[in-house]
Amino acid sequence: MATLYYISTKNLLKLDNGKESTISCQAINQYTKNIKQIKDRRAWKTEGAGAMFMGTAQAEQDDFDAIYPTAIAFMDDNTYVYSARLQEGTAIQSKPIGSDTASEELILRKSDFQVFDLCYDSTNKRIIASASDTSYASPYGERHLCVLSLDSARTQFVTEGECQDKNPSVDPNNSTVIYYDSCGLAYTQDNVVFSPRQVNRLDLATGELETVLADDKFDYFAPIMDTQGNLYAIRRPYREHDSTDPVGTAKDLLTAPFKILKAIVGWLDFFTKRYSGESLKTSGANPARTKPKSEEELFIEGNLVKADKNLLKNQADGEKFAGFISKSWELINCLPTGEIQIIKKGVMAYCLADDDVVISNGKSIVKITNGQEELIAHAPKVAKLMWV
């Protein structure tokens, strides 16, 4: 069996002969180590009795949530490349397939730059990434295609505008052609609205841009062309998903003073417990018992997914390997004749594996061979897949 690489819950993992293991990313490890060393050197200024006496004590928390792998891509039989978010910057490094502990090669290290997706063009030895030249990774911000040549290690944006250009992939039959999905962004006073997502074809040699999949009723994203000229993509119903809603905005305005007061009390309580060991809050009902369990929600490709609700419905519908994604999310195959085939419903992410397809439904990884499904692994929230 070949090896499957994937990103799940902000970790890079691989499945080899049925055994799952976490892969150590040297870019992340070194950056995290540097942060801890800097914090330790400055600890005397912000922690302990001395800092309290000088009035410089601060309740600092480590921001390791903003350090994680973001994308992976196959380079050749011996190497793959990955990108990692390092708080306000990005690292791209290549890694040997045969050894998880061998030294990695640095391709790019850049601050105020974020990479969300990438693919590799082996013919021209270049990386095509969905990126933004900002220090933050907002799901509502602009993202454009950026070309990184391995010979020069320079980045060049090739798309622009108020839009999100994502999920680039190289045409295996023509290395100058890139398929990607894109949607427009409309900024209002209170929110951001996304247009329907469409699949575009961009020829990097000529600059020719063509829309190949578009419908006002659907989003099309994550396109991959195979060697036979079949174009795969995920299709889902379009909704004007925006960052806020009128009812929610009014509610937020009314409750803002109470939220601010609660935040101040919480900060004072954290500060007091950190340096005195005692809490400002009196004992009362156990919040774990009194607070109702909220339904798990996943933010995937610009959509908020009701995970628990979808899982129960998929189980009720008799899905063999039920997942968190609604069956309205369909993996489709667009044949050269123009015919569209539905490969699988309830798909969050996928990759092509020779003549097979490997998909994630948010809960499990499943391989599909001639319509027959095989469970590969139980892995939550898998957003990126690579089969080698």
Protein backbone atom coordinates (compact mmCIF):
# COMPACT_ATOMS: atom_id res chain seq x y z
CA MET A 1 0.00 0.00 0.00
CA ALA A 2 1.21 3.51 -0.81
CA THR A 3 1.73 6.14 1.86
CA LEU A 4 -0.93 8.73 2.62
CA TYR A 5 0.02 12.13 4.03
CA TYR A 6 -2.59 14.49 5.47
CA ILE A 7 -3.15 17.49 7.73
CA SER A 8 -5.59 16.91 10.59
CA THR A 9 -6.30 19.18 13.58
CA LYS A 10 -3.22 21.31 12.81
CA ASN A 11 -0.88 18.30 12.64
CA LEU A 12 0.95 16.69 9.72
CA LEU A 13 0.42 12.93 9.77
CA LYS A 14 1.09 9.94 7.56
CA LEU A 15 -0.51 6.53 7.19
CA ASP A 16 1.93 3.82 6.15
CA ASN A 17 0.84 0.15 6.02
CA GLY A 18 -2.16 0.95 8.19
CA LYS A 19 -0.09 2.68 10.89
CA GLU A 20 -0.68 6.36 11.63
CA SER A 21 2.14 8.57 12.90
CA THR A 22 2.67 12.29 13.46
CA ILE A 23 5.43 13.86 11.37
CA SER A 24 7.78 16.28 13.03
CA CYS A 25 8.10 19.55 11.08
CA GLN A 26 11.52 21.08 11.69
CA ALA A 27 10.37 24.58 10.71
CA ILE A 28 7.69 24.47 13.41
CA ASN A 29 9.94 22.83 16.01
CA GLN A 30 12.73 25.37 15.58
CA TYR A 31 10.37 28.35 15.63
CA THR A 32 8.60 27.11 18.77
CA LYS A 33 11.96 26.49 20.44
CA ASN A 34 13.09 30.03 19.64
CA ILE A 35 9.90 31.51 21.12
CA LYS A 36 10.31 29.57 24.34
CA GLN A 37 13.96 30.62 24.67
CA ILE A 38 13.08 34.28 24.17
CA LYS A 39 10.29 34.03 26.73
CA ASP A 40 12.59 32.35 29.26
CA ARG A 41 15.19 35.10 28.88
CA ARG A 42 12.55 37.77 29.52
CA ALA A 43 10.68 35.93 32.28
CA TRP A 44 12.40 37.83 35.11
CA LYS A 45 10.82 41.06 33.85
CA THR A 46 7.21 39.85 33.80
CA GLU A 47 6.93 36.96 36.28
CA GLY A 48 7.54 36.33 39.97
CA ALA A 49 7.82 38.49 43.07
CA GLY A 50 10.47 40.76 41.55
CA ALA A 51 8.23 41.69 38.64
CA MET A 52 5.33 42.30 41.04
CA PHE A 53 7.53 44.61 43.12
CA MET A 54 8.68 46.59 40.07
CA GLY A 55 5.15 46.78 38.68
CA THR A 56 6.12 45.08 35.41
CA ALA A 57 4.27 41.80 35.97
CA GLN A 58 2.25 40.66 32.96
CA ALA A 59 -0.04 37.69 32.46
CA GLU A 60 1.45 36.41 29.20
CA GLN A 61 0.15 33.40 27.32
CA ASP A 62 1.91 31.44 24.60
CA ASP A 63 0.30 31.85 21.17
CA PHE A 64 1.15 28.40 19.82
CA ASP A 65 -2.27 28.12 18.15
CA ALA A 66 -0.90 30.28 15.33
CA ILE A 67 1.91 27.80 14.56
CA TYR A 68 0.91 24.84 12.40
CA PRO A 69 1.33 23.19 8.95
CA THR A 70 -0.97 24.60 6.28
CA ALA A 71 -0.35 22.64 3.06
CA ILE A 72 1.57 19.73 1.51
CA ALA A 73 2.47 18.81 -2.07
CA PHE A 74 4.33 15.99 -3.83
CA MET A 75 7.59 17.03 -5.54
CA ASP A 76 9.15 13.79 -6.81
CA ASP A 77 9.57 10.15 -5.81
CA ASN A 78 11.86 11.12 -2.94
CA THR A 79 10.65 14.51 -1.74
CA TYR A 80 7.58 16.50 -0.76
CA VAL A 81 7.11 20.10 0.29
CA TYR A 82 5.08 21.60 3.11
CA SER A 83 4.19 25.10 4.28
CA ALA A 84 3.77 26.19 7.88
CA ARG A 85 2.24 29.22 9.50
CA LEU A 86 4.67 30.70 12.03
CA GLN A 87 2.44 33.29 13.71
CA GLU A 88 2.91 36.39 11.53
CA GLY A 89 5.05 34.65 8.90
CA THR A 90 5.46 31.51 6.81
CA ALA A 91 8.04 28.83 6.15
CA ILE A 92 8.14 26.50 3.13
CA GLN A 93 10.49 23.52 3.39
CA SER A 94 11.11 20.30 1.47
CA LYS A 95 11.27 16.99 3.28
CA PRO A 96 12.46 13.48 2.26
CA ILE A 97 9.68 10.94 1.84
CA GLY A 98 11.78 8.04 3.09
CA SER A 99 12.81 9.57 6.42
CA ASP A 100 10.79 11.72 8.82
CA THR A 101 13.89 12.68 10.82
CA ALA A 102 16.28 13.61 7.99
CA SER A 103 17.30 17.24 7.58
CA GLU A 104 14.89 19.46 5.70
CA GLU A 105 15.77 22.07 3.09
CA LEU A 106 14.53 25.63 3.54
CA ILE A 107 12.81 27.00 0.44
CA LEU A 108 11.23 30.18 1.81
CA ARG A 109 11.08 31.99 5.13
CA LYS A 110 9.09 35.21 5.00
CA SER A 111 7.41 37.47 7.54
CA ASP A 112 4.09 39.26 6.93
CA PHE A 113 3.21 36.49 4.50
CA GLN A 114 0.72 33.61 4.77
CA VAL A 115 0.39 30.48 2.62
CA PHE A 116 -2.93 28.60 2.62
CA ASP A 117 -2.60 26.07 -0.23
CA LEU A 118 0.15 25.03 -2.62
CA CYS A 119 1.07 22.71 -5.48
CA TYR A 120 4.35 21.89 -7.22
CA ASP A 121 5.21 22.17 -10.91
CA SER A 122 7.99 19.60 -11.39
CA THR A 123 8.64 20.55 -15.03
CA ASN A 124 9.46 24.19 -14.28
CA LYS A 125 10.62 23.58 -10.68
CA ARG A 126 8.30 26.07 -9.06
CA ILE A 127 5.66 26.24 -6.35
CA ILE A 128 2.27 27.80 -6.96
CA ALA A 129 0.64 28.90 -3.72
CA SER A 130 -2.53 30.57 -2.54
CA ALA A 131 -1.11 33.31 -0.34
CA SER A 132 -1.56 36.76 1.14
CA ASP A 133 1.08 39.35 1.99
CA THR A 134 -0.34 39.98 5.45
CA SER A 135 0.67 38.97 8.96
CA TYR A 136 -2.67 37.35 9.80
CA ALA A 137 -4.62 34.40 8.37
CA SER A 138 -8.17 35.70 8.18
CA PRO A 139 -10.80 33.49 6.50
CA TYR A 140 -12.36 36.70 5.14
CA GLY A 141 -9.27 38.30 3.61
CA GLU A 142 -7.93 38.38 0.07
CA ARG A 143 -5.86 35.46 -1.23
CA HIS A 144 -4.08 35.35 -4.56
CA LEU A 145 -1.94 32.94 -6.55
CA CYS A 146 1.77 33.37 -6.05
CA VAL A 147 4.60 31.70 -7.99
CA LEU A 148 7.81 30.75 -6.19
CA SER A 149 10.69 29.58 -8.37
CA LEU A 150 13.11 27.25 -6.60
CA ASP A 151 15.99 28.74 -8.58
CA SER A 152 15.49 32.27 -7.27
CA ALA A 153 13.39 31.82 -4.10
CA ARG A 154 11.44 34.93 -5.10
CA THR A 155 7.67 35.25 -4.84
CA GLN A 156 5.54 36.80 -7.58
CA PHE A 157 1.77 37.24 -7.40
CA VAL A 158 0.03 36.37 -10.67
CA THR A 159 -3.59 37.14 -9.70
CA GLU A 160 -5.08 40.14 -7.95
CA GLY A 161 -8.31 41.89 -6.97
CA GLU A 162 -10.87 41.73 -4.17
CA CYS A 163 -11.19 37.96 -4.27
CA GLN A 164 -10.01 34.69 -2.79
CA ASP A 165 -8.00 32.50 -5.19
CA LYS A 166 -7.45 29.09 -3.60
CA ASN A 167 -6.54 25.42 -4.11
CA PRO A 168 -4.19 25.64 -7.13
CA SER A 169 -3.27 22.45 -9.00
CA VAL A 170 -1.05 21.87 -12.04
CA ASP A 171 -2.48 20.32 -15.22
CA PRO A 172 -0.48 17.06 -15.62
CA ASN A 173 -0.86 17.37 -19.40
CA ASN A 174 0.39 20.97 -19.60
CA SER A 175 2.61 22.29 -16.81
CA THR A 176 1.99 25.94 -17.70
CA VAL A 177 -1.73 25.57 -16.91
CA ILE A 178 -3.06 25.99 -13.38
CA TYR A 179 -6.56 25.16 -12.18
CA TYR A 180 -7.84 26.93 -9.08
CA ASP A 181 -11.06 28.15 -7.48
CA SER A 182 -11.97 31.78 -6.92
CA CYS A 183 -14.72 33.93 -5.46
CA GLY A 184 -15.27 37.67 -5.22
CA LEU A 185 -15.41 39.57 -1.93
CA ALA A 186 -17.89 42.36 -1.23
CA TYR A 187 -17.15 44.53 1.79
CA THR A 188 -20.03 46.27 3.57
CA GLN A 189 -20.06 48.33 6.75
CA ASP A 190 -20.71 45.28 8.92
CA ASN A 191 -19.56 42.20 7.04
CA VAL A 192 -17.93 40.46 4.10
CA VAL A 193 -19.98 38.61 1.49
CA PHE A 194 -18.59 35.90 -0.81
CA SER A 195 -19.77 35.42 -4.38
CA PRO A 196 -20.35 31.89 -5.76
CA ARG A 197 -17.01 30.08 -6.02
CA GLN A 198 -15.94 29.07 -9.52
CA VAL A 199 -13.11 27.06 -11.08
CA ASN A 200 -10.70 28.93 -13.35
CA ARG A 201 -8.03 27.82 -15.79
CA LEU A 202 -4.93 30.05 -15.93
CA ASP A 203 -2.13 29.66 -18.47
CA LEU A 204 0.98 31.09 -16.81
CA ALA A 205 2.82 31.23 -20.15
CA THR A 206 0.26 33.36 -22.00
CA GLY A 207 -1.72 34.91 -19.15
CA GLU A 208 -4.96 33.54 -20.64
CA LEU A 209 -7.69 33.12 -17.99
CA GLU A 210 -10.82 31.03 -18.54
CA THR A 211 -13.69 30.07 -16.25
CA VAL A 212 -14.44 26.35 -16.67
CA LEU A 213 -16.94 25.63 -13.86
CA ALA A 214 -19.44 28.22 -12.66
CA ASP A 215 -23.07 28.33 -11.53
CA ASP A 216 -24.92 30.94 -9.48
CA LYS A 217 -26.51 28.13 -7.46
CA PHE A 218 -23.29 26.31 -6.52
CA ASP A 219 -19.76 26.71 -5.20
CA TYR A 220 -17.09 24.74 -7.08
CA PHE A 221 -13.72 24.32 -5.39
CA ALA A 222 -10.58 22.15 -5.04
CA PRO A 223 -10.14 21.34 -8.78
CA ILE A 224 -7.74 18.59 -9.90
CA MET A 225 -7.14 17.52 -13.51
CA ASP A 226 -6.03 13.93 -14.18
CA THR A 227 -3.93 12.61 -17.08
CA GLN A 228 -7.07 11.53 -18.98
CA GLY A 229 -8.46 15.07 -19.13
CA ASN A 230 -11.05 14.57 -16.39
CA LEU A 231 -11.53 17.56 -14.08
CA TYR A 232 -12.45 16.72 -10.48
CA ALA A 233 -13.88 19.24 -8.02
CA ILE A 234 -16.15 19.55 -4.99
CA ARG A 235 -19.58 21.07 -5.58
CA ARG A 236 -21.88 22.41 -2.86
CA PRO A 237 -24.98 24.66 -2.77
CA TYR A 238 -24.13 28.35 -2.74
CA ARG A 239 -25.25 30.49 0.13
CA GLU A 240 -24.38 34.13 0.71
CA HIS A 241 -22.22 33.13 3.65
CA ASP A 242 -20.97 36.30 5.29
CA SER A 243 -19.16 37.06 8.50
CA THR A 244 -22.18 38.52 10.33
CA ASP A 245 -25.96 38.77 10.21
CA PRO A 246 -28.30 41.68 11.16
CA VAL A 247 -29.84 39.87 14.14
CA GLY A 248 -26.44 38.81 15.42
CA THR A 249 -25.06 42.34 14.99
CA ALA A 250 -27.91 43.89 17.03
CA LYS A 251 -27.50 41.25 19.72
CA ASP A 252 -23.74 41.87 19.88
CA LEU A 253 -24.27 45.62 20.34
CA LEU A 254 -26.72 45.10 23.20
CA THR A 255 -24.53 42.59 25.02
CA ALA A 256 -21.18 44.32 24.35
CA PRO A 257 -20.97 46.11 27.77
CA PHE A 258 -21.60 42.85 29.63
CA LYS A 259 -19.01 41.00 27.54
CA ILE A 260 -16.42 43.69 28.25
CA LEU A 261 -17.13 43.53 32.00
CA LYS A 262 -16.91 39.73 31.92
CA ALA A 263 -13.58 39.91 30.09
CA ILE A 264 -12.14 42.34 32.67
CA VAL A 265 -13.25 40.13 35.58
CA GLY A 266 -11.84 37.06 33.83
CA TRP A 267 -8.48 38.75 33.27
CA LEU A 268 -8.28 39.89 36.91
CA ASP A 269 -9.20 36.38 38.07
CA PHE A 270 -6.50 34.83 35.85
CA PHE A 271 -3.91 37.33 37.11
CA THR A 272 -4.83 36.70 40.76
CA LYS A 273 -4.73 32.92 40.43
CA ARG A 274 -1.38 33.09 38.62
CA TYR A 275 0.39 35.02 41.38
CA SER A 276 -1.57 34.21 44.56
CA GLY A 277 -3.02 30.79 43.86
CA GLU A 278 -6.52 32.00 44.82
CA SER A 279 -9.51 32.87 42.66
CA LEU A 280 -11.64 36.02 42.83
CA LYS A 281 -14.73 33.96 42.02
CA THR A 282 -16.76 32.35 44.80
CA SER A 283 -17.67 28.70 44.61
CA GLY A 284 -20.94 27.92 42.91
CA ALA A 285 -22.56 25.58 40.50
CA ASN A 286 -20.21 23.50 38.39
CA PRO A 287 -20.12 25.29 35.01
CA ALA A 288 -19.35 22.01 33.27
CA ARG A 289 -22.71 20.71 34.50
CA THR A 290 -24.84 23.83 34.11
CA LYS A 291 -23.62 24.93 30.68
CA PRO A 292 -25.33 23.02 27.87
CA LYS A 293 -23.09 21.29 25.38
CA SER A 294 -22.92 23.27 22.16
CA GLU A 295 -23.00 21.57 18.80
CA GLU A 296 -19.57 21.24 17.23
CA GLU A 297 -19.12 23.61 14.31
CA LEU A 298 -16.42 23.44 11.66
CA PHE A 299 -15.40 26.35 9.42
CA ILE A 300 -14.51 24.71 6.12
CA GLU A 301 -13.80 26.51 2.85
CA GLY A 302 -15.77 29.57 3.95
CA ASN A 303 -18.75 27.61 5.27
CA LEU A 304 -19.87 26.92 8.83
CA VAL A 305 -20.65 23.20 9.08
CA LYS A 306 -22.97 21.72 11.71
CA ALA A 307 -20.87 18.64 12.38
CA ASP A 308 -23.05 16.74 14.87
CA LYS A 309 -26.26 17.39 12.95
CA ASN A 310 -24.74 16.18 9.67
CA LEU A 311 -23.27 13.07 11.30
CA LEU A 312 -26.63 12.01 12.73
CA LYS A 313 -28.36 12.58 9.39
CA ASN A 314 -25.70 10.65 7.46
CA GLN A 315 -25.98 7.76 9.92
CA ALA A 316 -29.77 7.78 9.58
CA ASP A 317 -29.40 7.70 5.78
CA GLY A 318 -27.39 4.48 6.09
CA GLU A 319 -23.99 5.85 5.09
CA LYS A 320 -21.40 3.08 5.37
CA PHE A 321 -18.78 5.45 6.75
CA ALA A 322 -20.82 8.42 7.98
CA GLY A 323 -19.01 11.74 8.36
CA PHE A 324 -19.49 15.33 9.48
CA ILE A 325 -20.09 16.80 6.01
CA SER A 326 -23.52 17.26 4.45
CA LYS A 327 -24.35 15.05 1.47
CA SER A 328 -24.94 18.25 -0.51
CA TRP A 329 -21.13 18.53 -0.74
CA GLU A 330 -20.41 16.35 -3.79
CA LEU A 331 -17.15 15.22 -5.34
CA ILE A 332 -17.76 15.42 -9.08
CA ASN A 333 -15.87 14.37 -12.20
CA CYS A 334 -16.26 16.55 -15.29
CA LEU A 335 -15.51 14.35 -18.31
CA PRO A 336 -13.93 15.79 -21.50
CA THR A 337 -17.35 15.28 -23.15
CA GLY A 338 -18.93 17.75 -20.70
CA GLU A 339 -20.79 15.06 -18.76
CA ILE A 340 -20.66 15.42 -14.96
CA GLN A 341 -20.46 12.33 -12.76
CA ILE A 342 -21.01 12.35 -8.98
CA ILE A 343 -18.24 10.28 -7.38
CA LYS A 344 -19.16 10.65 -3.71
CA LYS A 345 -21.40 12.78 -1.50
CA GLY A 346 -20.38 14.30 1.84
CA VAL A 347 -16.79 15.14 0.86
CA MET A 348 -14.60 17.63 2.74
CA ALA A 349 -11.30 17.03 0.91
CA TYR A 350 -9.83 14.53 -1.54
CA CYS A 351 -6.84 13.51 -3.61
CA LEU A 352 -6.31 11.26 -6.63
CA ALA A 353 -4.47 7.99 -6.00
CA ASP A 354 -3.55 6.40 -9.34
CA ASP A 355 -6.91 5.05 -10.56
CA ASP A 356 -8.56 5.52 -7.16
CA VAL A 357 -9.86 8.48 -5.18
CA VAL A 358 -9.15 9.10 -1.48
CA ILE A 359 -11.64 11.32 0.34
CA SER A 360 -12.16 12.81 3.79
CA ASN A 361 -15.68 13.25 5.16
CA GLY A 362 -14.53 15.18 8.22
CA LYS A 363 -14.51 12.06 10.39
CA SER A 364 -12.83 9.33 8.35
CA ILE A 365 -10.56 8.82 5.34
CA VAL A 366 -12.04 6.51 2.70
CA LYS A 367 -10.56 5.11 -0.52
CA ILE A 368 -12.94 4.63 -3.46
CA THR A 369 -12.04 2.01 -6.09
CA ASN A 370 -14.52 1.43 -8.93
CA GLY A 371 -17.34 2.62 -6.67
CA GLN A 372 -16.31 0.36 -3.77
CA GLU A 373 -15.42 2.09 -0.50
CA GLU A 374 -12.64 1.07 1.88
CA LEU A 375 -12.01 2.68 5.27
CA ILE A 376 -8.41 3.87 5.46
CA ALA A 377 -8.36 5.60 8.85
CA HIS A 378 -10.44 7.46 11.41
CA ALA A 379 -9.05 11.00 11.23
CA PRO A 380 -11.01 14.16 12.15
CA LYS A 381 -11.14 17.40 10.16
CA VAL A 382 -8.68 16.35 7.44
CA ALA A 383 -8.31 19.35 5.14
CA LYS A 384 -5.34 18.30 2.96
CA LEU A 385 -4.48 14.89 1.47
CA MET A 386 -1.46 13.62 -0.50
CA TRP A 387 -0.98 10.07 -1.84
CA VAL A 388 2.54 8.93 -2.73
